[in-house]
C-alpha atoms as a PDB file:
ATOM      1  CA  MET A   1      49.131  20.384  24.036  1.00  0.00           C
ATOM      2  CA  GLU A   2      47.080  17.436  22.829  1.00  0.00           C
ATOM      3  CA  GLY A   3      43.856  16.208  24.431  1.00  0.00           C
ATOM      4  CA  ASN A   4      43.600  13.046  26.428  1.00  0.00           C
ATOM      5  CA  PRO A   5      43.461  10.038  24.013  1.00  0.00           C
ATOM      6  CA  LEU A   6      41.048   8.226  26.336  1.00  0.00           C
ATOM      7  CA  PHE A   7      38.615  11.141  26.165  1.00  0.00           C
ATOM      8  CA  SER A   8      38.740  11.286  22.350  1.00  0.00           C
ATOM      9  CA  MET A   9      38.184   7.523  22.093  1.00  0.00           C
ATOM     10  CA  LEU A  10      35.217   7.755  24.466  1.00  0.00           C
ATOM     11  CA  PHE A  11      33.914  10.717  22.474  1.00  0.00           C
ATOM     12  CA  MET A  12      33.764   8.459  19.364  1.00  0.00           C
ATOM     13  CA  LEU A  13      32.511   5.340  21.155  1.00  0.00           C
ATOM     14  CA  VAL A  14      29.377   6.883  22.698  1.00  0.00           C
ATOM     15  CA  PRO A  15      27.792   7.928  19.353  1.00  0.00           C
ATOM     16  CA  MET A  16      28.641   4.534  17.839  1.00  0.00           C
ATOM     17  CA  VAL A  17      26.887   2.702  20.681  1.00  0.00           C
ATOM     18  CA  ALA A  18      23.865   4.998  20.312  1.00  0.00           C
ATOM     19  CA  ILE A  19      23.687   4.318  16.563  1.00  0.00           C
ATOM     20  CA  VAL A  20      23.837   0.537  17.088  1.00  0.00           C
ATOM     21  CA  TYR A  21      21.115   0.759  19.739  1.00  0.00           C
ATOM     22  CA  PHE A  22      18.690   2.822  17.645  1.00  0.00           C
ATOM     23  CA  LEU A  23      19.289   0.986  14.351  1.00  0.00           C
ATOM     24  CA  MET A  24      19.517  -2.623  15.565  1.00  0.00           C
ATOM     25  CA  ILE A  25      18.603  -3.376  19.168  1.00  0.00           C
ATOM     26  CA  ARG A  26      15.540  -1.169  19.683  1.00  0.00           C
ATOM     27  CA  PRO A  27      13.675  -2.214  16.485  1.00  0.00           C
ATOM     28  CA  GLU A  28      14.313  -5.899  17.246  1.00  0.00           C
ATOM     29  CA  ASN A  29      12.941  -5.521  20.787  1.00  0.00           C
ATOM     30  CA  LYS A  30       9.810  -3.784  19.459  1.00  0.00           C
ATOM     31  CA  ARG A  31       9.287  -6.526  16.855  1.00  0.00           C
ATOM     32  CA  ARG A  32       9.732  -9.258  19.493  1.00  0.00           C
ATOM     33  CA  LYS A  33       7.211  -7.634  21.864  1.00  0.00           C
ATOM     34  CA  LYS A  34       4.690  -7.252  19.038  1.00  0.00           C
ATOM     35  CA  HIS A  35       5.096 -10.923  18.071  1.00  0.00           C
ATOM     36  CA  GLN A  36       4.741 -12.088  21.708  1.00  0.00           C
ATOM     37  CA  ASN A  37       1.541 -10.053  22.030  1.00  0.00           C
ATOM     38  CA  MET A  38       0.195 -11.698  18.855  1.00  0.00           C
ATOM     39  CA  LEU A  39       0.981 -15.176  20.228  1.00  0.00           C
ATOM     40  CA  GLN A  40      -0.721 -14.441  23.555  1.00  0.00           C
ATOM     41  CA  ASN A  41      -3.906 -13.271  21.807  1.00  0.00           C
ATOM     42  CA  LEU A  42      -4.382 -16.323  19.566  1.00  0.00           C
ATOM     43  CA  THR A  43      -7.836 -17.872  19.777  1.00  0.00           C
ATOM     44  CA  LYS A  44      -9.674 -20.829  18.318  1.00  0.00           C
ATOM     45  CA  GLY A  45     -10.660 -20.107  14.724  1.00  0.00           C
ATOM     46  CA  ASP A  46      -7.736 -17.812  13.872  1.00  0.00           C
ATOM     47  CA  GLU A  47      -6.002 -18.545  10.590  1.00  0.00           C
ATOM     48  CA  ILE A  48      -2.219 -18.727  10.925  1.00  0.00           C
ATOM     49  CA  VAL A  49       0.983 -19.328   8.990  1.00  0.00           C
ATOM     50  CA  THR A  50       3.900 -21.163  10.596  1.00  0.00           C
ATOM     51  CA  ASN A  51       7.597 -20.417  10.191  1.00  0.00           C
ATOM     52  CA  GLY A  52       7.754 -23.387   7.813  1.00  0.00           C
ATOM     53  CA  GLY A  53       5.004 -21.966   5.599  1.00  0.00           C
ATOM     54  CA  LEU A  54       2.164 -24.244   6.755  1.00  0.00           C
ATOM     55  CA  HIS A  55      -1.227 -22.482   6.541  1.00  0.00           C
ATOM     56  CA  GLY A  56      -4.027 -23.588   8.834  1.00  0.00           C
ATOM     57  CA  LYS A  57      -6.903 -22.733  11.132  1.00  0.00           C
ATOM     58  CA  ILE A  58      -6.563 -23.092  14.916  1.00  0.00           C
ATOM     59  CA  LEU A  59      -8.786 -25.851  16.292  1.00  0.00           C
ATOM     60  CA  GLY A  60      -7.473 -25.730  19.838  1.00  0.00           C
ATOM     61  CA  ILE A  61      -4.733 -24.432  22.123  1.00  0.00           C
ATOM     62  CA  SER A  62      -3.305 -26.416  25.041  1.00  0.00           C
ATOM     63  CA  ASN A  63      -3.792 -25.075  28.552  1.00  0.00           C
ATOM     64  CA  ASP A  64      -0.134 -24.149  28.913  1.00  0.00           C
ATOM     65  CA  LYS A  65      -0.216 -22.486  25.440  1.00  0.00           C
ATOM     66  CA  LYS A  66       2.777 -24.479  24.219  1.00  0.00           C
ATOM     67  CA  VAL A  67       0.991 -26.634  21.619  1.00  0.00           C
ATOM     68  CA  VAL A  68      -1.552 -25.524  19.040  1.00  0.00           C
ATOM     69  CA  VAL A  69      -3.747 -27.913  17.028  1.00  0.00           C
ATOM     70  CA  ILE A  70      -4.476 -26.657  13.528  1.00  0.00           C
ATOM     71  CA  SER A  71      -6.484 -27.914  10.580  1.00  0.00           C
ATOM     72  CA  VAL A  72      -4.466 -27.745   7.367  1.00  0.00           C
ATOM     73  CA  GLY A  73      -6.962 -29.258   4.974  1.00  0.00           C
ATOM     74  CA  GLU A  74      -9.507 -31.985   4.403  1.00  0.00           C
ATOM     75  CA  MET A  75      -9.216 -35.529   3.079  1.00  0.00           C
ATOM     76  CA  ASN A  76     -12.133 -37.953   2.722  1.00  0.00           C
ATOM     77  CA  SER A  77     -14.432 -35.536   4.594  1.00  0.00           C
ATOM     78  CA  GLN A  78     -12.110 -35.439   7.622  1.00  0.00           C
ATOM     79  CA  ASP A  79      -9.944 -32.572   8.831  1.00  0.00           C
ATOM     80  CA  ILE A  80      -6.195 -33.093   8.665  1.00  0.00           C
ATOM     81  CA  LYS A  81      -4.982 -31.996  12.086  1.00  0.00           C
ATOM     82  CA  VAL A  82      -1.434 -31.043  12.978  1.00  0.00           C
ATOM     83  CA  ASN A  83       0.060 -30.270  16.393  1.00  0.00           C
ATOM     84  CA  ILE A  84       2.577 -27.447  16.240  1.00  0.00           C
ATOM     85  CA  SER A  85       4.648 -25.624  18.782  1.00  0.00           C
ATOM     86  CA  HIS A  86       3.282 -22.263  19.863  1.00  0.00           C
ATOM     87  CA  SER A  87       6.606 -20.646  19.006  1.00  0.00           C
ATOM     88  CA  ALA A  88       6.412 -21.885  15.378  1.00  0.00           C
ATOM     89  CA  ILE A  89       3.625 -19.446  14.514  1.00  0.00           C
ATOM     90  CA  ALA A  90       4.904 -16.595  12.352  1.00  0.00           C
ATOM     91  CA  PHE A  91       1.781 -14.744  11.228  1.00  0.00           C
ATOM     92  CA  VAL A  92      -1.958 -14.457  11.737  1.00  0.00           C
ATOM     93  CA  LYS A  93      -4.055 -14.147   8.573  1.00  0.00           C
ATOM     94  CA  LYS A  94      -6.918 -11.650   8.567  1.00  0.00           C
ATOM     95  CA  GLY A  95      -8.950 -11.187   5.427  1.00  0.00           C
ATOM     96  CA  GLY A  96      -6.402 -13.120   3.384  1.00  0.00           C
ATOM     97  CA  GLU A  97      -3.537 -10.823   4.433  1.00  0.00           C
ATOM     98  CA  LEU A  98      -0.650 -11.753   6.696  1.00  0.00           C
ATOM     99  CA  ILE A  99      -0.627  -9.719   9.886  1.00  0.00           C
ATOM    100  CA  GLU A 100       2.409 -10.006  12.151  1.00  0.00           C
ATOM    101  CA  GLY A 101       2.055  -9.061  15.756  1.00  0.00           C
ATOM    102  CA  GLU A 102      -1.237  -7.218  15.843  1.00  0.00           C
END
């Protein structure tokens, strides 16, 4: 007498779902939470790197935290200022090293 085919299929499906969860979904959720925490803790003076590779120093953050003003350099003794979206920030630089999500 053979076992129920539905039971054997379910017996194989449960471990596969668990493997996908622990190898793909869980690490991505942890990375996303860490990055969100980093974005919420940005302050004036932090050095950042955007997703596009632009390096700069935060000069100001809008009240709704959707736009960040950064200084990317200097020309003729004046700062070059750029407005970027809050979500475009990839990393914070501390001591010359890129720190994601701390």
